Amino acid sequence: DTAFATLISVRAMSSLVYAQTLYLIPVSLFGMAVSAAELPE
C-alpha cells in the first residue's frame, strides 16, 4: 500500500496514513480491546 501510494502521489501517501489513523480508532477500541482481553481467558 505504501509503495502504491507513493506512485500515485505524495498527497496520497500522507493521506493514506491519516486515514489509517482514523479508521484504526474503532478497530483498536473494539476489536483490539475485546481480542486482547479475551486472549488470556
All heavy atoms as atom14 arrays in JSON, in Angstrom:
{
  "sequence": "DTAFATLISVRAMSSLVYAQTLYLIPVSLFGMAVSAAELPE",
  "atom14_mask": [
    [1, 1, 1, 1, 1, 1, 1, 1, 0, 0, 0, 0, 0, 0],
    [1, 1, 1, 1, 1, 1, 1, 0, 0, 0, 0, 0, 0, 0],
    [1, 1, 1, 1, 1, 0, 0, 0, 0, 0, 0, 0, 0, 0],
    [1, 1, 1, 1, 1, 1, 1, 1, 1, 1, 1, 0, 0, 0],
    [1, 1, 1, 1, 1, 0, 0, 0, 0, 0, 0, 0, 0, 0],
    [1, 1, 1, 1, 1, 1, 1, 0, 0, 0, 0, 0, 0, 0],
    [1, 1, 1, 1, 1, 1, 1, 1, 0, 0, 0, 0, 0, 0],
    [1, 1, 1, 1, 1, 1, 1, 1, 0, 0, 0, 0, 0, 0],
    [1, 1, 1, 1, 1, 1, 0, 0, 0, 0, 0, 0, 0, 0],
    [1, 1, 1, 1, 1, 1, 1, 0, 0, 0, 0, 0, 0, 0],
    [1, 1, 1, 1, 1, 1, 1, 1, 1, 1, 1, 0, 0, 0],
    [1, 1, 1, 1, 1, 0, 0, 0, 0, 0, 0, 0, 0, 0],
    [1, 1, 1, 1, 1, 1, 1, 1, 0, 0, 0, 0, 0, 0],
    [1, 1, 1, 1, 1, 1, 0, 0, 0, 0, 0, 0, 0, 0],
    [1, 1, 1, 1, 1, 1, 0, 0, 0, 0, 0, 0, 0, 0],
    [1, 1, 1, 1, 1, 1, 1, 1, 0, 0, 0, 0, 0, 0],
    [1, 1, 1, 1, 1, 1, 1, 0, 0, 0, 0, 0, 0, 0],
    [1, 1, 1, 1, 1, 1, 1, 1, 1, 1, 1, 1, 0, 0],
    [1, 1, 1, 1, 1, 0, 0, 0, 0, 0, 0, 0, 0, 0],
    [1, 1, 1, 1, 1, 1, 1, 1, 1, 0, 0, 0, 0, 0],
    [1, 1, 1, 1, 1, 1, 1, 0, 0, 0, 0, 0, 0, 0],
    [1, 1, 1, 1, 1, 1, 1, 1, 0, 0, 0, 0, 0, 0],
    [1, 1, 1, 1, 1, 1, 1, 1, 1, 1, 1, 1, 0, 0],
    [1, 1, 1, 1, 1, 1, 1, 1, 0, 0, 0, 0, 0, 0],
    [1, 1, 1, 1, 1, 1, 1, 1, 0, 0, 0, 0, 0, 0],
    [1, 1, 1, 1, 1, 1, 1, 0, 0, 0, 0, 0, 0, 0],
    [1, 1, 1, 1, 1, 1, 1, 0, 0, 0, 0, 0, 0, 0],
    [1, 1, 1, 1, 1, 1, 0, 0, 0, 0, 0, 0, 0, 0],
    [1, 1, 1, 1, 1, 1, 1, 1, 0, 0, 0, 0, 0, 0],
    [1, 1, 1, 1, 1, 1, 1, 1, 1, 1, 1, 0, 0, 0],
    [1, 1, 1, 1, 0, 0, 0, 0, 0, 0, 0, 0, 0, 0],
    [1, 1, 1, 1, 1, 1, 1, 1, 0, 0, 0, 0, 0, 0],
    [1, 1, 1, 1, 1, 0, 0, 0, 0, 0, 0, 0, 0, 0],
    [1, 1, 1, 1, 1, 1, 1, 0, 0, 0, 0, 0, 0, 0],
    [1, 1, 1, 1, 1, 1, 0, 0, 0, 0, 0, 0, 0, 0],
    [1, 1, 1, 1, 1, 0, 0, 0, 0, 0, 0, 0, 0, 0],
    [1, 1, 1, 1, 1, 0, 0, 0, 0, 0, 0, 0, 0, 0],
    [1, 1, 1, 1, 1, 1, 1, 1, 1, 0, 0, 0, 0, 0],
    [1, 1, 1, 1, 1, 1, 1, 1, 0, 0, 0, 0, 0, 0],
    [1, 1, 1, 1, 1, 1, 1, 0, 0, 0, 0, 0, 0, 0],
    [1, 1, 1, 1, 1, 1, 1, 1, 1, 0, 0, 0, 0, 0]
  ],
  "atom14_positions": [
    [[0.83, -1.21, 0.0], [0.0, 0.0, 0.0], [0.87, 1.26, 0.0], [0.56, 2.23, -0.7], [-0.92, 0.01, 1.22], [-2.08, -0.97, 1.08], [-2.31, -1.46, -0.05], [-2.75, -1.26, 2.08], [0.0, 0.0, 0.0], [0.0, 0.0, 0.0], [0.0, 0.0, 0.0], [0.0, 0.0, 0.0], [0.0, 0.0, 0.0], [0.0, 0.0, 0.0]],
    [[1.94, 1.23, 0.8], [2.84, 2.39, 0.85], [3.49, 2.62, -0.51], [3.55, 3.76, -1.0], [3.92, 2.18, 1.92], [3.29, 2.0, 3.2], [4.86, 3.38, 1.99], [0.0, 0.0, 0.0], [0.0, 0.0, 0.0], [0.0, 0.0, 0.0], [0.0, 0.0, 0.0], [0.0, 0.0, 0.0], [0.0, 0.0, 0.0], [0.0, 0.0, 0.0]],
    [[3.99, 1.55, -1.12], [4.64, 1.69, -2.42], [3.67, 2.21, -3.47], [4.0, 3.13, -4.24], [5.23, 0.34, -2.85], [0.0, 0.0, 0.0], [0.0, 0.0, 0.0], [0.0, 0.0, 0.0], [0.0, 0.0, 0.0], [0.0, 0.0, 0.0], [0.0, 0.0, 0.0], [0.0, 0.0, 0.0], [0.0, 0.0, 0.0], [0.0, 0.0, 0.0]],
    [[2.46, 1.65, -3.52], [1.47, 2.1, -4.49], [1.08, 3.56, -4.24], [0.9, 4.34, -5.18], [0.22, 1.22, -4.44], [0.4, -0.15, -5.05], [-0.54, -1.14, -4.87], [1.51, -0.44, -5.83], [-0.39, -2.4, -5.45], [1.68, -1.68, -6.41], [0.73, -2.67, -6.22], [0.0, 0.0, 0.0], [0.0, 0.0, 0.0], [0.0, 0.0, 0.0]],
    [[0.95, 3.92, -2.95], [0.57, 5.3, -2.63], [1.64, 6.29, -3.08], [1.31, 7.37, -3.59], [0.32, 5.44, -1.12], [0.0, 0.0, 0.0], [0.0, 0.0, 0.0], [0.0, 0.0, 0.0], [0.0, 0.0, 0.0], [0.0, 0.0, 0.0], [0.0, 0.0, 0.0], [0.0, 0.0, 0.0], [0.0, 0.0, 0.0], [0.0, 0.0, 0.0]],
    [[2.93, 5.95, -2.91], [3.98, 6.86, -3.36], [3.99, 6.98, -4.88], [4.42, 8.0, -5.41], [5.37, 6.41, -2.86], [5.67, 5.11, -3.41], [5.41, 6.34, -1.34], [0.0, 0.0, 0.0], [0.0, 0.0, 0.0], [0.0, 0.0, 0.0], [0.0, 0.0, 0.0], [0.0, 0.0, 0.0], [0.0, 0.0, 0.0], [0.0, 0.0, 0.0]],
    [[3.52, 5.95, -5.56], [3.45, 6.02, -7.03], [2.24, 6.82, -7.49], [2.26, 7.38, -8.6], [3.39, 4.6, -7.61], [4.65, 3.75, -7.46], [4.4, 2.33, -7.93], [5.83, 4.37, -8.22], [0.0, 0.0, 0.0], [0.0, 0.0, 0.0], [0.0, 0.0, 0.0], [0.0, 0.0, 0.0], [0.0, 0.0, 0.0], [0.0, 0.0, 0.0]],
    [[1.19, 6.87, -6.67], [0.0, 7.67, -7.03], [0.3, 9.15, -6.88], [0.15, 9.93, -7.82], [-1.2, 7.25, -6.17], [-1.63, 5.82, -6.51], [-2.38, 8.2, -6.36], [-2.65, 5.23, -5.55], [0.0, 0.0, 0.0], [0.0, 0.0, 0.0], [0.0, 0.0, 0.0], [0.0, 0.0, 0.0], [0.0, 0.0, 0.0], [0.0, 0.0, 0.0]],
    [[0.72, 9.58, -5.68], [1.08, 10.97, -5.43], [1.58, 11.11, -4.0], [1.31, 10.25, -3.15], [-0.11, 11.92, -5.65], [-1.07, 11.74, -4.64], [0.0, 0.0, 0.0], [0.0, 0.0, 0.0], [0.0, 0.0, 0.0], [0.0, 0.0, 0.0], [0.0, 0.0, 0.0], [0.0, 0.0, 0.0], [0.0, 0.0, 0.0], [0.0, 0.0, 0.0]],
    [[2.29, 12.18, -3.75], [2.74, 12.47, -2.38], [1.54, 12.65, -1.46], [1.52, 12.19, -0.32], [3.64, 13.72, -2.38], [3.92, 14.18, -0.95], [4.95, 13.45, -3.1], [0.0, 0.0, 0.0], [0.0, 0.0, 0.0], [0.0, 0.0, 0.0], [0.0, 0.0, 0.0], [0.0, 0.0, 0.0], [0.0, 0.0, 0.0], [0.0, 0.0, 0.0]],
    [[0.53, 13.36, -1.98], [-0.67, 13.59, -1.19], [-1.36, 12.28, -0.82], [-1.87, 12.12, 0.3], [-1.63, 14.48, -1.98], [-2.86, 14.93, -1.23], [-3.83, 15.61, -2.19], [-4.93, 16.27, -1.5], [-6.04, 16.66, -2.09], [-6.21, 16.46, -3.39], [-7.0, 17.25, -1.41], [0.0, 0.0, 0.0], [0.0, 0.0, 0.0], [0.0, 0.0, 0.0]],
    [[-1.35, 11.33, -1.73], [-1.98, 10.04, -1.46], [-1.26, 9.32, -0.33], [-1.88, 8.68, 0.52], [-1.98, 9.19, -2.72], [0.0, 0.0, 0.0], [0.0, 0.0, 0.0], [0.0, 0.0, 0.0], [0.0, 0.0, 0.0], [0.0, 0.0, 0.0], [0.0, 0.0, 0.0], [0.0, 0.0, 0.0], [0.0, 0.0, 0.0], [0.0, 0.0, 0.0]],
    [[0.09, 9.42, -0.3], [0.86, 8.73, 0.73], [0.53, 9.27, 2.11], [0.21, 8.51, 3.04], [2.36, 8.9, 0.43], [3.29, 8.32, 1.49], [3.09, 6.56, 1.74], [2.66, 6.51, 3.47], [0.0, 0.0, 0.0], [0.0, 0.0, 0.0], [0.0, 0.0, 0.0], [0.0, 0.0, 0.0], [0.0, 0.0, 0.0], [0.0, 0.0, 0.0]],
    [[0.6, 10.57, 2.29], [0.34, 11.14, 3.62], [-1.13, 10.96, 4.01], [-1.43, 10.65, 5.16], [0.73, 12.62, 3.64], [0.08, 13.34, 2.61], [0.0, 0.0, 0.0], [0.0, 0.0, 0.0], [0.0, 0.0, 0.0], [0.0, 0.0, 0.0], [0.0, 0.0, 0.0], [0.0, 0.0, 0.0], [0.0, 0.0, 0.0], [0.0, 0.0, 0.0]],
    [[-2.04, 11.1, 3.04], [-3.46, 10.95, 3.35], [-3.81, 9.52, 3.72], [-4.69, 9.27, 4.55], [-4.32, 11.39, 2.16], [-4.16, 12.77, 1.92], [0.0, 0.0, 0.0], [0.0, 0.0, 0.0], [0.0, 0.0, 0.0], [0.0, 0.0, 0.0], [0.0, 0.0, 0.0], [0.0, 0.0, 0.0], [0.0, 0.0, 0.0], [0.0, 0.0, 0.0]],
    [[-3.12, 8.54, 3.12], [-3.36, 7.14, 3.46], [-3.06, 6.89, 4.93], [-3.81, 6.2, 5.62], [-2.5, 6.24, 2.58], [-2.62, 4.74, 2.83], [-4.02, 4.24, 2.5], [-1.59, 3.96, 2.01], [0.0, 0.0, 0.0], [0.0, 0.0, 0.0], [0.0, 0.0, 0.0], [0.0, 0.0, 0.0], [0.0, 0.0, 0.0], [0.0, 0.0, 0.0]],
    [[-1.97, 7.47, 5.43], [-1.62, 7.28, 6.84], [-2.6, 8.02, 7.74], [-2.99, 7.51, 8.8], [-0.17, 7.74, 7.1], [0.19, 7.54, 8.58], [0.8, 6.97, 6.22], [0.0, 0.0, 0.0], [0.0, 0.0, 0.0], [0.0, 0.0, 0.0], [0.0, 0.0, 0.0], [0.0, 0.0, 0.0], [0.0, 0.0, 0.0], [0.0, 0.0, 0.0]],
    [[-3.01, 9.22, 7.35], [-4.05, 9.92, 8.13], [-5.31, 9.07, 8.2], [-5.94, 8.94, 9.26], [-4.38, 11.26, 7.48], [-3.35, 12.35, 7.66], [-2.9, 13.1, 6.57], [-2.85, 12.66, 8.92], [-1.97, 14.13, 6.74], [-1.91, 13.68, 9.09], [-1.47, 14.41, 7.99], [-0.56, 15.41, 8.15], [0.0, 0.0, 0.0], [0.0, 0.0, 0.0]],
    [[-5.72, 8.5, 7.07], [-6.93, 7.67, 7.04], [-6.79, 6.46, 7.94], [-7.73, 6.1, 8.68], [-7.22, 7.23, 5.6], [0.0, 0.0, 0.0], [0.0, 0.0, 0.0], [0.0, 0.0, 0.0], [0.0, 0.0, 0.0], [0.0, 0.0, 0.0], [0.0, 0.0, 0.0], [0.0, 0.0, 0.0], [0.0, 0.0, 0.0], [0.0, 0.0, 0.0]],
    [[-5.63, 5.82, 7.92], [-5.43, 4.66, 8.77], [-5.49, 5.03, 10.24], [-5.99, 4.27, 11.07], [-4.1, 4.0, 8.41], [-4.13, 3.31, 7.05], [-2.77, 2.82, 6.61], [-1.74, 3.27, 7.1], [-2.76, 1.89, 5.67], [0.0, 0.0, 0.0], [0.0, 0.0, 0.0], [0.0, 0.0, 0.0], [0.0, 0.0, 0.0], [0.0, 0.0, 0.0]],
    [[-4.97, 6.21, 10.58], [-5.05, 6.67, 11.96], [-6.51, 6.78, 12.41], [-6.86, 6.39, 13.53], [-4.37, 8.05, 12.1], [-3.0, 7.94, 11.73], [-4.47, 8.56, 13.54], [0.0, 0.0, 0.0], [0.0, 0.0, 0.0], [0.0, 0.0, 0.0], [0.0, 0.0, 0.0], [0.0, 0.0, 0.0], [0.0, 0.0, 0.0], [0.0, 0.0, 0.0]],
    [[-7.37, 7.25, 11.52], [-8.78, 7.43, 11.89], [-9.52, 6.11, 11.94], [-10.24, 5.82, 12.91], [-9.46, 8.38, 10.9], [-8.92, 9.82, 10.88], [-9.79, 10.69, 9.97], [-8.87, 10.42, 12.27], [0.0, 0.0, 0.0], [0.0, 0.0, 0.0], [0.0, 0.0, 0.0], [0.0, 0.0, 0.0], [0.0, 0.0, 0.0], [0.0, 0.0, 0.0]],
    [[-9.37, 5.27, 10.9], [-10.2, 4.06, 10.91], [-9.66, 2.99, 11.85], [-10.38, 2.04, 12.19], [-10.45, 3.52, 9.5], [-9.31, 2.88, 8.76], [-8.75, 1.68, 9.15], [-8.84, 3.46, 7.57], [-7.74, 1.08, 8.43], [-7.83, 2.87, 6.84], [-7.27, 1.69, 7.27], [-6.26, 1.08, 6.56], [0.0, 0.0, 0.0], [0.0, 0.0, 0.0]],
    [[-8.43, 3.16, 12.32], [-7.93, 2.22, 13.33], [-8.46, 2.53, 14.73], [-8.29, 1.73, 15.64], [-6.4, 2.22, 13.34], [-5.73, 1.43, 12.21], [-4.22, 1.58, 12.28], [-6.13, -0.04, 12.26], [0.0, 0.0, 0.0], [0.0, 0.0, 0.0], [0.0, 0.0, 0.0], [0.0, 0.0, 0.0], [0.0, 0.0, 0.0], [0.0, 0.0, 0.0]],
    [[-9.09, 3.69, 14.89], [-9.65, 4.0, 16.21], [-10.73, 2.99, 16.59], [-10.63, 2.36, 17.66], [-10.2, 5.44, 16.23], [-9.05, 6.44, 16.1], [-10.97, 5.7, 17.53], [-9.51, 7.88, 15.96], [0.0, 0.0, 0.0], [0.0, 0.0, 0.0], [0.0, 0.0, 0.0], [0.0, 0.0, 0.0], [0.0, 0.0, 0.0], [0.0, 0.0, 0.0]],
    [[-11.78, 2.78, 15.78], [-12.76, 1.75, 16.17], [-12.18, 0.34, 16.17], [-12.57, -0.5, 16.98], [-13.88, 1.9, 15.13], [-13.26, 2.61, 13.98], [-12.22, 3.51, 14.57], [0.0, 0.0, 0.0], [0.0, 0.0, 0.0], [0.0, 0.0, 0.0], [0.0, 0.0, 0.0], [0.0, 0.0, 0.0], [0.0, 0.0, 0.0], [0.0, 0.0, 0.0]],
    [[-11.24, 0.06, 15.24], [-10.61, -1.26, 15.23], [-9.89, -1.51, 16.56], [-9.99, -2.59, 17.15], [-9.62, -1.37, 14.05], [-8.81, -2.67, 14.16], [-10.35, -1.33, 12.72], [0.0, 0.0, 0.0], [0.0, 0.0, 0.0], [0.0, 0.0, 0.0], [0.0, 0.0, 0.0], [0.0, 0.0, 0.0], [0.0, 0.0, 0.0], [0.0, 0.0, 0.0]],
    [[-9.19, -0.5, 17.04], [-8.46, -0.66, 18.29], [-9.38, -0.66, 19.5], [-9.26, -1.5, 20.4], [-7.44, 0.48, 18.44], [-6.52, 0.47, 17.37], [0.0, 0.0, 0.0], [0.0, 0.0, 0.0], [0.0, 0.0, 0.0], [0.0, 0.0, 0.0], [0.0, 0.0, 0.0], [0.0, 0.0, 0.0], [0.0, 0.0, 0.0], [0.0, 0.0, 0.0]],
    [[-10.32, 0.29, 19.53], [-11.18, 0.42, 20.7], [-12.05, -0.81, 20.92], [-12.28, -1.22, 22.06], [-12.09, 1.64, 20.55], [-11.48, 3.0, 20.86], [-12.49, 4.1, 20.6], [-11.0, 3.06, 22.3], [0.0, 0.0, 0.0], [0.0, 0.0, 0.0], [0.0, 0.0, 0.0], [0.0, 0.0, 0.0], [0.0, 0.0, 0.0], [0.0, 0.0, 0.0]],
    [[-12.51, -1.42, 19.83], [-13.45, -2.53, 19.97], [-12.83, -3.86, 19.57], [-12.89, -4.83, 20.33], [-14.7, -2.23, 19.16], [-15.28, -0.88, 19.44], [-15.36, 0.09, 18.46], [-15.71, -0.56, 20.71], [-15.87, 1.35, 18.73], [-16.22, 0.7, 21.01], [-16.3, 1.65, 20.01], [0.0, 0.0, 0.0], [0.0, 0.0, 0.0], [0.0, 0.0, 0.0]],
    [[-12.19, -3.92, 18.42], [-11.57, -5.18, 18.01], [-10.39, -5.56, 18.88], [-10.33, -6.65, 19.45], [0.0, 0.0, 0.0], [0.0, 0.0, 0.0], [0.0, 0.0, 0.0], [0.0, 0.0, 0.0], [0.0, 0.0, 0.0], [0.0, 0.0, 0.0], [0.0, 0.0, 0.0], [0.0, 0.0, 0.0], [0.0, 0.0, 0.0], [0.0, 0.0, 0.0]],
    [[-9.43, -4.64, 19.02], [-8.25, -4.94, 19.81], [-8.59, -5.07, 21.28], [-8.07, -5.94, 21.99], [-7.2, -3.86, 19.61], [-5.87, -4.16, 20.29], [-4.68, -2.79, 20.13], [-4.48, -2.76, 18.35], [0.0, 0.0, 0.0], [0.0, 0.0, 0.0], [0.0, 0.0, 0.0], [0.0, 0.0, 0.0], [0.0, 0.0, 0.0], [0.0, 0.0, 0.0]],
    [[-9.47, -4.21, 21.78], [-9.82, -4.26, 23.2], [-10.44, -5.6, 23.57], [-10.03, -6.24, 24.54], [-10.79, -3.12, 23.54], [0.0, 0.0, 0.0], [0.0, 0.0, 0.0], [0.0, 0.0, 0.0], [0.0, 0.0, 0.0], [0.0, 0.0, 0.0], [0.0, 0.0, 0.0], [0.0, 0.0, 0.0], [0.0, 0.0, 0.0], [0.0, 0.0, 0.0]],
    [[-11.41, -6.03, 22.79], [-12.07, -7.31, 23.09], [-11.11, -8.47, 22.88], [-11.0, -9.36, 23.73], [-13.33, -7.48, 22.21], [-13.92, -8.87, 22.38], [-14.36, -6.42, 22.56], [0.0, 0.0, 0.0], [0.0, 0.0, 0.0], [0.0, 0.0, 0.0], [0.0, 0.0, 0.0], [0.0, 0.0, 0.0], [0.0, 0.0, 0.0], [0.0, 0.0, 0.0]],
    [[-10.37, -8.46, 21.78], [-9.46, -9.57, 21.47], [-8.35, -9.69, 22.51], [-8.0, -10.78, 22.95], [-8.86, -9.39, 20.07], [-9.87, -9.36, 19.1], [0.0, 0.0, 0.0], [0.0, 0.0, 0.0], [0.0, 0.0, 0.0], [0.0, 0.0, 0.0], [0.0, 0.0, 0.0], [0.0, 0.0, 0.0], [0.0, 0.0, 0.0], [0.0, 0.0, 0.0]],
    [[-7.77, -8.54, 22.89], [-6.67, -8.56, 23.86], [-7.14, -9.06, 25.22], [-6.44, -9.82, 25.89], [-6.06, -7.17, 23.98], [0.0, 0.0, 0.0], [0.0, 0.0, 0.0], [0.0, 0.0, 0.0], [0.0, 0.0, 0.0], [0.0, 0.0, 0.0], [0.0, 0.0, 0.0], [0.0, 0.0, 0.0], [0.0, 0.0, 0.0], [0.0, 0.0, 0.0]],
    [[-8.33, -8.62, 25.63], [-8.85, -9.06, 26.93], [-9.27, -10.52, 26.9], [-9.14, -11.24, 27.91], [-10.03, -8.18, 27.33], [0.0, 0.0, 0.0], [0.0, 0.0, 0.0], [0.0, 0.0, 0.0], [0.0, 0.0, 0.0], [0.0, 0.0, 0.0], [0.0, 0.0, 0.0], [0.0, 0.0, 0.0], [0.0, 0.0, 0.0], [0.0, 0.0, 0.0]],
    [[-9.77, -10.98, 25.79], [-10.26, -12.35, 25.7], [-9.15, -13.38, 25.53], [-9.32, -14.53, 25.91], [-11.24, -12.49, 24.53], [-12.58, -11.8, 24.73], [-13.39, -12.44, 25.85], [-13.14, -13.61, 26.17], [-14.26, -11.76, 26.4], [0.0, 0.0, 0.0], [0.0, 0.0, 0.0], [0.0, 0.0, 0.0], [0.0, 0.0, 0.0], [0.0, 0.0, 0.0]],
    [[-8.01, -12.98, 24.94], [-6.99, -13.97, 24.64], [-6.53, -14.77, 25.86], [-6.51, -16.01, 25.81], [-5.79, -13.3, 23.94], [-4.62, -14.23, 23.58], [-5.09, -15.38, 22.68], [-3.51, -13.46, 22.9], [0.0, 0.0, 0.0], [0.0, 0.0, 0.0], [0.0, 0.0, 0.0], [0.0, 0.0, 0.0], [0.0, 0.0, 0.0], [0.0, 0.0, 0.0]],
    [[-6.14, -14.12, 26.98], [-5.76, -14.93, 28.15], [-6.89, -15.83, 28.64], [-6.64, -16.96, 29.08], [-5.38, -13.88, 29.2], [-5.06, -12.64, 28.42], [-5.98, -12.69, 27.23], [0.0, 0.0, 0.0], [0.0, 0.0, 0.0], [0.0, 0.0, 0.0], [0.0, 0.0, 0.0], [0.0, 0.0, 0.0], [0.0, 0.0, 0.0], [0.0, 0.0, 0.0]],
    [[-8.13, -15.32, 28.58], [-9.26, -16.13, 29.02], [-9.52, -17.28, 28.07], [-9.87, -18.39, 28.49], [-10.52, -15.25, 29.14], [-10.35, -14.01, 30.0], [-9.82, -14.33, 31.38], [-10.21, -15.38, 31.93], [-9.01, -13.55, 31.91], [0.0, 0.0, 0.0], [0.0, 0.0, 0.0], [0.0, 0.0, 0.0], [0.0, 0.0, 0.0], [0.0, 0.0, 0.0]]
  ]
}
